Amino acid sequence: MKTNHEIQEMKGFWEGEECEYCSGAINERRVELYRHKGSKRMLFENVPAGVCKSCGARYYSANVLKMLDRLTHKSEGTRKTVQIPILHFS
């Protein structure tokens, strides 16, 4: 499995790729990604992703998804925890 450093070094990974929805150009960006597992909710920051310049669709490499899955199952990488109010829409 690739390390964070190796993933950061994947410059040009999305170069020449087109969006499957609108055929727009895909650029590498760092994004926030929300995931949940059971009752746990997690926010990942600084995630490398391919983002369509036209429609904003996001793409993640297999290595990034594997790392996210690994981090989801352990709490070592947790930097901070925040409380979020839950409101009922009625």
PDB file of N, CA and C in Angstrom:
ATOM      1  N   MET A   1       0.840  -1.172   0.000  1.00  0.00           N
ATOM      2  CA  MET A   1       0.000   0.000   0.000  1.00  0.00           C
ATOM      3  C   MET A   1       0.888   1.239   0.000  1.00  0.00           C
ATOM      4  N   LYS A   2       0.527   2.239  -0.775  1.00  0.00           N
ATOM      5  CA  LYS A   2       1.326   3.453  -0.880  1.00  0.00           C
ATOM      6  C   LYS A   2       1.176   4.317   0.373  1.00  0.00           C
ATOM      7  N   THR A   3       2.225   5.039   0.698  1.00  0.00           N
ATOM      8  CA  THR A   3       2.199   5.952   1.834  1.00  0.00           C
ATOM      9  C   THR A   3       1.662   7.311   1.375  1.00  0.00           C
ATOM     10  N   ASN A   4       1.382   8.190   2.337  1.00  0.00           N
ATOM     11  CA  ASN A   4       0.943   9.548   2.000  1.00  0.00           C
ATOM     12  C   ASN A   4       1.947  10.230   1.088  1.00  0.00           C
ATOM     13  N   HIS A   5       3.232  10.048   1.396  1.00  0.00           N
ATOM     14  CA  HIS A   5       4.279  10.670   0.598  1.00  0.00           C
ATOM     15  C   HIS A   5       4.240  10.178  -0.853  1.00  0.00           C
ATOM     16  N   GLU A   6       4.075   8.879  -1.039  1.00  0.00           N
ATOM     17  CA  GLU A   6       4.022   8.320  -2.392  1.00  0.00           C
ATOM     18  C   GLU A   6       2.810   8.832  -3.155  1.00  0.00           C
ATOM     19  N   ILE A   7       1.682   8.975  -2.462  1.00  0.00           N
ATOM     20  CA  ILE A   7       0.485   9.494  -3.124  1.00  0.00           C
ATOM     21  C   ILE A   7       0.695  10.945  -3.520  1.00  0.00           C
ATOM     22  N   GLN A   8       1.366  11.722  -2.667  1.00  0.00           N
ATOM     23  CA  GLN A   8       1.625  13.122  -2.986  1.00  0.00           C
ATOM     24  C   GLN A   8       2.531  13.239  -4.206  1.00  0.00           C
ATOM     25  N   GLU A   9       3.376  12.254  -4.430  1.00  0.00           N
ATOM     26  CA  GLU A   9       4.309  12.291  -5.540  1.00  0.00           C
ATOM     27  C   GLU A   9       3.676  11.900  -6.883  1.00  0.00           C
ATOM     28  N   MET A  10       2.401  11.525  -6.875  1.00  0.00           N
ATOM     29  CA  MET A  10       1.741  11.074  -8.105  1.00  0.00           C
ATOM     30  C   MET A  10       1.293  12.271  -8.949  1.00  0.00           C
ATOM     31  N   LYS A  11       2.209  13.144  -9.258  1.00  0.00           N
ATOM     32  CA  LYS A  11       1.885  14.320 -10.061  1.00  0.00           C
ATOM     33  C   LYS A  11       1.512  13.878 -11.472  1.00  0.00           C
ATOM     34  N   GLY A  12       0.495  14.492 -12.004  1.00  0.00           N
ATOM     35  CA  GLY A  12       0.089  14.188 -13.361  1.00  0.00           C
ATOM     36  C   GLY A  12      -0.754  12.937 -13.500  1.00  0.00           C
ATOM     37  N   PHE A  13      -1.179  12.352 -12.390  1.00  0.00           N
ATOM     38  CA  PHE A  13      -1.966  11.119 -12.440  1.00  0.00           C
ATOM     39  C   PHE A  13      -3.227  11.305 -13.280  1.00  0.00           C
ATOM     40  N   TRP A  14      -3.876  12.445 -13.150  1.00  0.00           N
ATOM     41  CA  TRP A  14      -5.142  12.686 -13.861  1.00  0.00           C
ATOM     42  C   TRP A  14      -4.940  13.414 -15.190  1.00  0.00           C
ATOM     43  N   GLU A  15      -3.706  13.716 -15.537  1.00  0.00           N
ATOM     44  CA  GLU A  15      -3.413  14.453 -16.765  1.00  0.00           C
ATOM     45  C   GLU A  15      -3.932  13.706 -17.997  1.00  0.00           C
ATOM     46  N   GLY A  16      -4.677  14.406 -18.828  1.00  0.00           N
ATOM     47  CA  GLY A  16      -5.212  13.808 -20.047  1.00  0.00           C
ATOM     48  C   GLY A  16      -6.512  13.044 -19.858  1.00  0.00           C
ATOM     49  N   GLU A  17      -6.974  12.892 -18.618  1.00  0.00           N
ATOM     50  CA  GLU A  17      -8.227  12.175 -18.352  1.00  0.00           C
ATOM     51  C   GLU A  17      -9.413  13.116 -18.537  1.00  0.00           C
ATOM     52  N   GLU A  18     -10.534  12.544 -18.963  1.00  0.00           N
ATOM     53  CA  GLU A  18     -11.758  13.315 -19.167  1.00  0.00           C
ATOM     54  C   GLU A  18     -12.856  12.804 -18.257  1.00  0.00           C
ATOM     55  N   CYS A  19     -13.735  13.697 -17.855  1.00  0.00           N
ATOM     56  CA  CYS A  19     -14.873  13.355 -17.011  1.00  0.00           C
ATOM     57  C   CYS A  19     -15.822  12.426 -17.761  1.00  0.00           C
ATOM     58  N   GLU A  20     -16.283  11.382 -17.092  1.00  0.00           N
ATOM     59  CA  GLU A  20     -17.199  10.445 -17.729  1.00  0.00           C
ATOM     60  C   GLU A  20     -18.600  11.028 -17.877  1.00  0.00           C
ATOM     61  N   TYR A  21     -18.896  12.130 -17.180  1.00  0.00           N
ATOM     62  CA  TYR A  21     -20.232  12.731 -17.235  1.00  0.00           C
ATOM     63  C   TYR A  21     -20.341  13.848 -18.264  1.00  0.00           C
ATOM     64  N   CYS A  22     -19.287  14.707 -18.349  1.00  0.00           N
ATOM     65  CA  CYS A  22     -19.404  15.865 -19.242  1.00  0.00           C
ATOM     66  C   CYS A  22     -18.218  16.019 -20.191  1.00  0.00           C
ATOM     67  N   SER A  23     -17.255  15.116 -20.120  1.00  0.00           N
ATOM     68  CA  SER A  23     -16.033  15.147 -20.942  1.00  0.00           C
ATOM     69  C   SER A  23     -15.116  16.316 -20.625  1.00  0.00           C
ATOM     70  N   GLY A  24     -15.316  16.969 -19.480  1.00  0.00           N
ATOM     71  CA  GLY A  24     -14.436  18.055 -19.066  1.00  0.00           C
ATOM     72  C   GLY A  24     -13.082  17.541 -18.626  1.00  0.00           C
ATOM     73  N   ALA A  25     -12.118  18.439 -18.545  1.00  0.00           N
ATOM     74  CA  ALA A  25     -10.766  18.086 -18.106  1.00  0.00           C
ATOM     75  C   ALA A  25     -10.764  17.831 -16.600  1.00  0.00           C
ATOM     76  N   ILE A  26      -9.949  16.874 -16.177  1.00  0.00           N
ATOM     77  CA  ILE A  26      -9.838  16.536 -14.760  1.00  0.00           C
ATOM     78  C   ILE A  26      -8.494  17.033 -14.241  1.00  0.00           C
ATOM     79  N   ASN A  27      -8.548  17.772 -13.144  1.00  0.00           N
ATOM     80  CA  ASN A  27      -7.341  18.293 -12.503  1.00  0.00           C
ATOM     81  C   ASN A  27      -7.188  17.689 -11.121  1.00  0.00           C
ATOM     82  N   GLU A  28      -5.942  17.501 -10.698  1.00  0.00           N
ATOM     83  CA  GLU A  28      -5.686  17.008  -9.337  1.00  0.00           C
ATOM     84  C   GLU A  28      -5.874  18.157  -8.360  1.00  0.00           C
ATOM     85  N   ARG A  29      -6.619  17.880  -7.287  1.00  0.00           N
ATOM     86  CA  ARG A  29      -6.845  18.851  -6.217  1.00  0.00           C
ATOM     87  C   ARG A  29      -6.852  18.122  -4.887  1.00  0.00           C
ATOM     88  N   ARG A  30      -6.768  18.862  -3.823  1.00  0.00           N
ATOM     89  CA  ARG A  30      -6.913  18.326  -2.468  1.00  0.00           C
ATOM     90  C   ARG A  30      -8.300  18.730  -1.988  1.00  0.00           C
ATOM     91  N   VAL A  31      -9.056  17.752  -1.507  1.00  0.00           N
ATOM     92  CA  VAL A  31     -10.448  17.988  -1.138  1.00  0.00           C
ATOM     93  C   VAL A  31     -10.738  17.452   0.255  1.00  0.00           C
ATOM     94  N   GLU A  32     -11.893  17.824   0.793  1.00  0.00           N
ATOM     95  CA  GLU A  32     -12.422  17.232   2.018  1.00  0.00           C
ATOM     96  C   GLU A  32     -13.397  16.144   1.603  1.00  0.00           C
ATOM     97  N   LEU A  33     -13.412  15.054   2.345  1.00  0.00           N
ATOM     98  CA  LEU A  33     -14.284  13.930   2.018  1.00  0.00           C
ATOM     99  C   LEU A  33     -14.942  13.431   3.296  1.00  0.00           C
ATOM    100  N   TYR A  34     -16.261  13.338   3.281  1.00  0.00           N
ATOM    101  CA  TYR A  34     -17.015  12.810   4.410  1.00  0.00           C
ATOM    102  C   TYR A  34     -17.297  11.336   4.164  1.00  0.00           C
ATOM    103  N   ARG A  35     -17.085  10.523   5.193  1.00  0.00           N
ATOM    104  CA  ARG A  35     -17.412   9.096   5.105  1.00  0.00           C
ATOM    105  C   ARG A  35     -18.055   8.675   6.413  1.00  0.00           C
ATOM    106  N   HIS A  36     -18.764   7.569   6.351  1.00  0.00           N
ATOM    107  CA  HIS A  36     -19.327   7.029   7.585  1.00  0.00           C
ATOM    108  C   HIS A  36     -19.235   5.521   7.573  1.00  0.00           C
ATOM    109  N   LYS A  37     -19.093   4.979   8.772  1.00  0.00           N
ATOM    110  CA  LYS A  37     -19.066   3.530   8.957  1.00  0.00           C
ATOM    111  C   LYS A  37     -19.888   3.261  10.210  1.00  0.00           C
ATOM    112  N   GLY A  38     -21.025   2.641  10.024  1.00  0.00           N
ATOM    113  CA  GLY A  38     -21.939   2.429  11.142  1.00  0.00           C
ATOM    114  C   GLY A  38     -22.389   3.773  11.681  1.00  0.00           C
ATOM    115  N   SER A  39     -22.201   3.990  12.966  1.00  0.00           N
ATOM    116  CA  SER A  39     -22.609   5.257  13.573  1.00  0.00           C
ATOM    117  C   SER A  39     -21.476   6.286  13.576  1.00  0.00           C
ATOM    118  N   LYS A  40     -20.289   5.900  13.104  1.00  0.00           N
ATOM    119  CA  LYS A  40     -19.150   6.821  13.063  1.00  0.00           C
ATOM    120  C   LYS A  40     -19.213   7.683  11.811  1.00  0.00           C
ATOM    121  N   ARG A  41     -18.994   8.987  11.993  1.00  0.00           N
ATOM    122  CA  ARG A  41     -18.902   9.924  10.876  1.00  0.00           C
ATOM    123  C   ARG A  41     -17.500  10.497  10.878  1.00  0.00           C
ATOM    124  N   MET A  42     -16.874  10.571   9.711  1.00  0.00           N
ATOM    125  CA  MET A  42     -15.507  11.048   9.623  1.00  0.00           C
ATOM    126  C   MET A  42     -15.358  12.073   8.514  1.00  0.00           C
ATOM    127  N   LEU A  43     -14.484  13.021   8.751  1.00  0.00           N
ATOM    128  CA  LEU A  43     -14.125  14.015   7.751  1.00  0.00           C
ATOM    129  C   LEU A  43     -12.638  13.850   7.473  1.00  0.00           C
ATOM    130  N   PHE A  44     -12.300  13.575   6.239  1.00  0.00           N
ATOM    131  CA  PHE A  44     -10.907  13.471   5.824  1.00  0.00           C
ATOM    132  C   PHE A  44     -10.537  14.772   5.126  1.00  0.00           C
ATOM    133  N   GLU A  45      -9.427  15.360   5.530  1.00  0.00           N
ATOM    134  CA  GLU A  45      -8.944  16.588   4.918  1.00  0.00           C
ATOM    135  C   GLU A  45      -7.739  16.280   4.035  1.00  0.00           C
ATOM    136  N   ASN A  46      -7.526  17.147   3.040  1.00  0.00           N
ATOM    137  CA  ASN A  46      -6.328  17.073   2.198  1.00  0.00           C
ATOM    138  C   ASN A  46      -6.245  15.773   1.395  1.00  0.00           C
ATOM    139  N   VAL A  47      -7.382  15.283   0.919  1.00  0.00           N
ATOM    140  CA  VAL A  47      -7.442  14.031   0.152  1.00  0.00           C
ATOM    141  C   VAL A  47      -7.168  14.326  -1.320  1.00  0.00           C
ATOM    142  N   PRO A  48      -6.187  13.649  -1.933  1.00  0.00           N
ATOM    143  CA  PRO A  48      -5.942  13.868  -3.360  1.00  0.00           C
ATOM    144  C   PRO A  48      -7.082  13.280  -4.190  1.00  0.00           C
ATOM    145  N   ALA A  49      -7.568  14.096  -5.118  1.00  0.00           N
ATOM    146  CA  ALA A  49      -8.677  13.663  -5.973  1.00  0.00           C
ATOM    147  C   ALA A  49      -8.537  14.290  -7.342  1.00  0.00           C
ATOM    148  N   GLY A  50      -9.128  13.638  -8.331  1.00  0.00           N
ATOM    149  CA  GLY A  50      -9.280  14.238  -9.646  1.00  0.00           C
ATOM    150  C   GLY A  50     -10.625  14.930  -9.656  1.00  0.00           C
ATOM    151  N   VAL A  51     -10.649  16.213  -9.992  1.00  0.00           N
ATOM    152  CA  VAL A  51     -11.896  16.981  -9.981  1.00  0.00           C
ATOM    153  C   VAL A  51     -12.125  17.575 -11.365  1.00  0.00           C
ATOM    154  N   CYS A  52     -13.313  17.341 -11.909  1.00  0.00           N
ATOM    155  CA  CYS A  52     -13.665  17.868 -13.230  1.00  0.00           C
ATOM    156  C   CYS A  52     -13.780  19.386 -13.168  1.00  0.00           C
ATOM    157  N   LYS A  53     -13.108  20.068 -14.085  1.00  0.00           N
ATOM    158  CA  LYS A  53     -13.158  21.531 -14.144  1.00  0.00           C
ATOM    159  C   LYS A  53     -14.540  22.038 -14.520  1.00  0.00           C
ATOM    160  N   SER A  54     -15.306  21.242 -15.261  1.00  0.00           N
ATOM    161  CA  SER A  54     -16.611  21.697 -15.742  1.00  0.00           C
ATOM    162  C   SER A  54     -17.747  21.421 -14.771  1.00  0.00           C
ATOM    163  N   CYS A  55     -17.896  20.175 -14.325  1.00  0.00           N
ATOM    164  CA  CYS A  55     -19.065  19.816 -13.509  1.00  0.00           C
ATOM    165  C   CYS A  55     -18.738  19.525 -12.046  1.00  0.00           C
ATOM    166  N   GLY A  56     -17.442  19.420 -11.698  1.00  0.00           N
ATOM    167  CA  GLY A  56     -17.054  19.201 -10.313  1.00  0.00           C
ATOM    168  C   GLY A  56     -17.068  17.748  -9.862  1.00  0.00           C
ATOM    169  N   ALA A  57     -17.342  16.809 -10.761  1.00  0.00           N
ATOM    170  CA  ALA A  57     -17.329  15.383 -10.382  1.00  0.00           C
ATOM    171  C   ALA A  57     -15.955  15.032  -9.832  1.00  0.00           C
ATOM    172  N   ARG A  58     -15.943  14.185  -8.805  1.00  0.00           N
ATOM    173  CA  ARG A  58     -14.685  13.788  -8.165  1.00  0.00           C
ATOM    174  C   ARG A  58     -14.346  12.344  -8.492  1.00  0.00           C
ATOM    175  N   TYR A  59     -13.053  12.111  -8.644  1.00  0.00           N
ATOM    176  CA  TYR A  59     -12.532  10.773  -8.900  1.00  0.00           C
ATOM    177  C   TYR A  59     -11.391  10.527  -7.916  1.00  0.00           C
ATOM    178  N   TYR A  60     -11.311   9.295  -7.418  1.00  0.00           N
ATOM    179  CA  TYR A  60     -10.268   8.921  -6.463  1.00  0.00           C
ATOM    180  C   TYR A  60      -9.540   7.694  -7.005  1.00  0.00           C
ATOM    181  N   SER A  61      -8.222   7.708  -6.889  1.00  0.00           N
ATOM    182  CA  SER A  61      -7.451   6.549  -7.338  1.00  0.00           C
ATOM    183  C   SER A  61      -7.674   5.399  -6.370  1.00  0.00           C
ATOM    184  N   ALA A  62      -7.400   4.185  -6.827  1.00  0.00           N
ATOM    185  CA  ALA A  62      -7.560   2.992  -5.988  1.00  0.00           C
ATOM    186  C   ALA A  62      -6.680   3.085  -4.747  1.00  0.00           C
ATOM    187  N   ASN A  63      -5.466   3.621  -4.883  1.00  0.00           N
ATOM    188  CA  ASN A  63      -4.561   3.738  -3.734  1.00  0.00           C
ATOM    189  C   ASN A  63      -5.126   4.676  -2.679  1.00  0.00           C
ATOM    190  N   VAL A  64      -5.736   5.768  -3.095  1.00  0.00           N
ATOM    191  CA  VAL A  64      -6.335   6.710  -2.154  1.00  0.00           C
ATOM    192  C   VAL A  64      -7.517   6.051  -1.454  1.00  0.00           C
ATOM    193  N   LEU A  65      -8.349   5.345  -2.191  1.00  0.00           N
ATOM    194  CA  LEU A  65      -9.507   4.680  -1.583  1.00  0.00           C
ATOM    195  C   LEU A  65      -9.077   3.607  -0.586  1.00  0.00           C
ATOM    196  N   LYS A  66      -8.006   2.875  -0.889  1.00  0.00           N
ATOM    197  CA  LYS A  66      -7.492   1.866   0.042  1.00  0.00           C
ATOM    198  C   LYS A  66      -7.010   2.516   1.330  1.00  0.00           C
ATOM    199  N   MET A  67      -6.312   3.644   1.192  1.00  0.00           N
ATOM    200  CA  MET A  67      -5.815   4.328   2.378  1.00  0.00           C
ATOM    201  C   MET A  67      -6.980   4.877   3.210  1.00  0.00           C
ATOM    202  N   LEU A  68      -7.991   5.432   2.565  1.00  0.00           N
ATOM    203  CA  LEU A  68      -9.167   5.929   3.288  1.00  0.00           C
ATOM    204  C   LEU A  68      -9.850   4.791   4.038  1.00  0.00           C
ATOM    205  N   ASP A  69      -9.954   3.644   3.399  1.00  0.00           N
ATOM    206  CA  ASP A  69     -10.587   2.495   4.040  1.00  0.00           C
ATOM    207  C   ASP A  69      -9.779   2.060   5.265  1.00  0.00           C
ATOM    208  N   ARG A  70      -8.464   2.025   5.116  1.00  0.00           N
ATOM    209  CA  ARG A  70      -7.605   1.647   6.234  1.00  0.00           C
ATOM    210  C   ARG A  70      -7.750   2.641   7.395  1.00  0.00           C
ATOM    211  N   LEU A  71      -7.753   3.930   7.083  1.00  0.00           N
ATOM    212  CA  LEU A  71      -7.876   4.958   8.124  1.00  0.00           C
ATOM    213  C   LEU A  71      -9.257   4.940   8.776  1.00  0.00           C
ATOM    214  N   THR A  72     -10.277   4.527   8.031  1.00  0.00           N
ATOM    215  CA  THR A  72     -11.633   4.453   8.570  1.00  0.00           C
ATOM    216  C   THR A  72     -11.718   3.425   9.691  1.00  0.00           C
ATOM    217  N   HIS A  73     -10.910   2.378   9.610  1.00  0.00           N
ATOM    218  CA  HIS A  73     -10.964   1.291  10.585  1.00  0.00           C
ATOM    219  C   HIS A  73     -10.097   1.517  11.814  1.00  0.00           C
ATOM    220  N   LYS A  74      -9.321   2.588  11.835  1.00  0.00           N
ATOM    221  CA  LYS A  74      -8.539   2.869  13.028  1.00  0.00           C
ATOM    222  C   LYS A  74      -8.582   4.369  13.306  1.00  0.00           C
ATOM    223  N   SER A  75      -8.267   4.752  14.507  1.00  0.00           N
ATOM    224  CA  SER A  75      -8.376   6.161  14.878  1.00  0.00           C
ATOM    225  C   SER A  75      -7.019   6.829  15.103  1.00  0.00           C
ATOM    226  N   GLU A  76      -5.929   6.179  14.710  1.00  0.00           N
ATOM    227  CA  GLU A  76      -4.593   6.739  14.915  1.00  0.00           C
ATOM    228  C   GLU A  76      -4.405   8.100  14.263  1.00  0.00           C
ATOM    229  N   GLY A  77      -4.955   8.292  13.071  1.00  0.00           N
ATOM    230  CA  GLY A  77      -4.736   9.526  12.324  1.00  0.00           C
ATOM    231  C   GLY A  77      -5.657  10.667  12.726  1.00  0.00           C
ATOM    232  N   THR A  78      -6.455  10.477  13.765  1.00  0.00           N
ATOM    233  CA  THR A  78      -7.403  11.506  14.164  1.00  0.00           C
ATOM    234  C   THR A  78      -6.659  12.717  14.711  1.00  0.00           C
ATOM    235  N   ARG A  79      -6.896  13.871  14.105  1.00  0.00           N
ATOM    236  CA  ARG A  79      -6.262  15.109  14.555  1.00  0.00           C
ATOM    237  C   ARG A  79      -7.113  15.833  15.573  1.00  0.00           C
ATOM    238  N   LYS A  80      -8.414  15.811  15.351  1.00  0.00           N
ATOM    239  CA  LYS A  80      -9.312  16.496  16.268  1.00  0.00           C
ATOM    240  C   LYS A  80     -10.704  15.907  16.141  1.00  0.00           C
ATOM    241  N   THR A  81     -11.510  16.158  17.148  1.00  0.00           N
ATOM    242  CA  THR A  81     -12.892  15.709  17.148  1.00  0.00           C
ATOM    243  C   THR A  81     -13.765  16.932  17.398  1.00  0.00           C
ATOM    244  N   VAL A  82     -14.868  17.029  16.662  1.00  0.00           N
ATOM    245  CA  VAL A  82     -15.787  18.153  16.842  1.00  0.00           C
ATOM    246  C   VAL A  82     -17.183  17.617  17.122  1.00  0.00           C
ATOM    247  N   GLN A  83     -17.967  18.402  17.849  1.00  0.00           N
ATOM    248  CA  GLN A  83     -19.355  18.041  18.079  1.00  0.00           C
ATOM    249  C   GLN A  83     -20.207  18.797  17.061  1.00  0.00           C
ATOM    250  N   ILE A  84     -21.212  18.113  16.534  1.00  0.00           N
ATOM    251  CA  ILE A  84     -22.099  18.712  15.535  1.00  0.00           C
ATOM    252  C   ILE A  84     -23.518  18.651  16.063  1.00  0.00           C
ATOM    253  N   PRO A  85     -24.223  19.785  16.097  1.00  0.00           N
ATOM    254  CA  PRO A  85     -25.620  19.737  16.539  1.00  0.00           C
ATOM    255  C   PRO A  85     -26.475  19.016  15.493  1.00  0.00           C
ATOM    256  N   ILE A  86     -27.421  18.234  15.954  1.00  0.00           N
ATOM    257  CA  ILE A  86     -28.339  17.524  15.067  1.00  0.00           C
ATOM    258  C   ILE A  86     -29.710  18.146  15.221  1.00  0.00           C
ATOM    259  N   LEU A  87     -30.247  18.652  14.125  1.00  0.00           N
ATOM    260  CA  LEU A  87     -31.527  19.341  14.125  1.00  0.00           C
ATOM    261  C   LEU A  87     -32.561  18.505  13.382  1.00  0.00           C
ATOM    262  N   HIS A  88     -33.790  18.570  13.823  1.00  0.00           N
ATOM    263  CA  HIS A  88     -34.873  17.824  13.172  1.00  0.00           C
ATOM    264  C   HIS A  88     -35.655  18.768  12.266  1.00  0.00           C
ATOM    265  N   PHE A  89     -35.760  18.432  11.008  1.00  0.00           N
ATOM    266  CA  PHE A  89     -36.521  19.226  10.051  1.00  0.00           C
ATOM    267  C   PHE A  89     -37.975  18.762  10.102  1.00  0.00           C
ATOM    268  N   SER A  90     -38.860  19.658  10.497  1.00  0.00           N
ATOM    269  CA  SER A  90     -40.268  19.261  10.594  1.00  0.00           C
ATOM    270  C   SER A  90     -41.177  20.171   9.807  1.00  0.00           C
TER     271      SER A  90
END
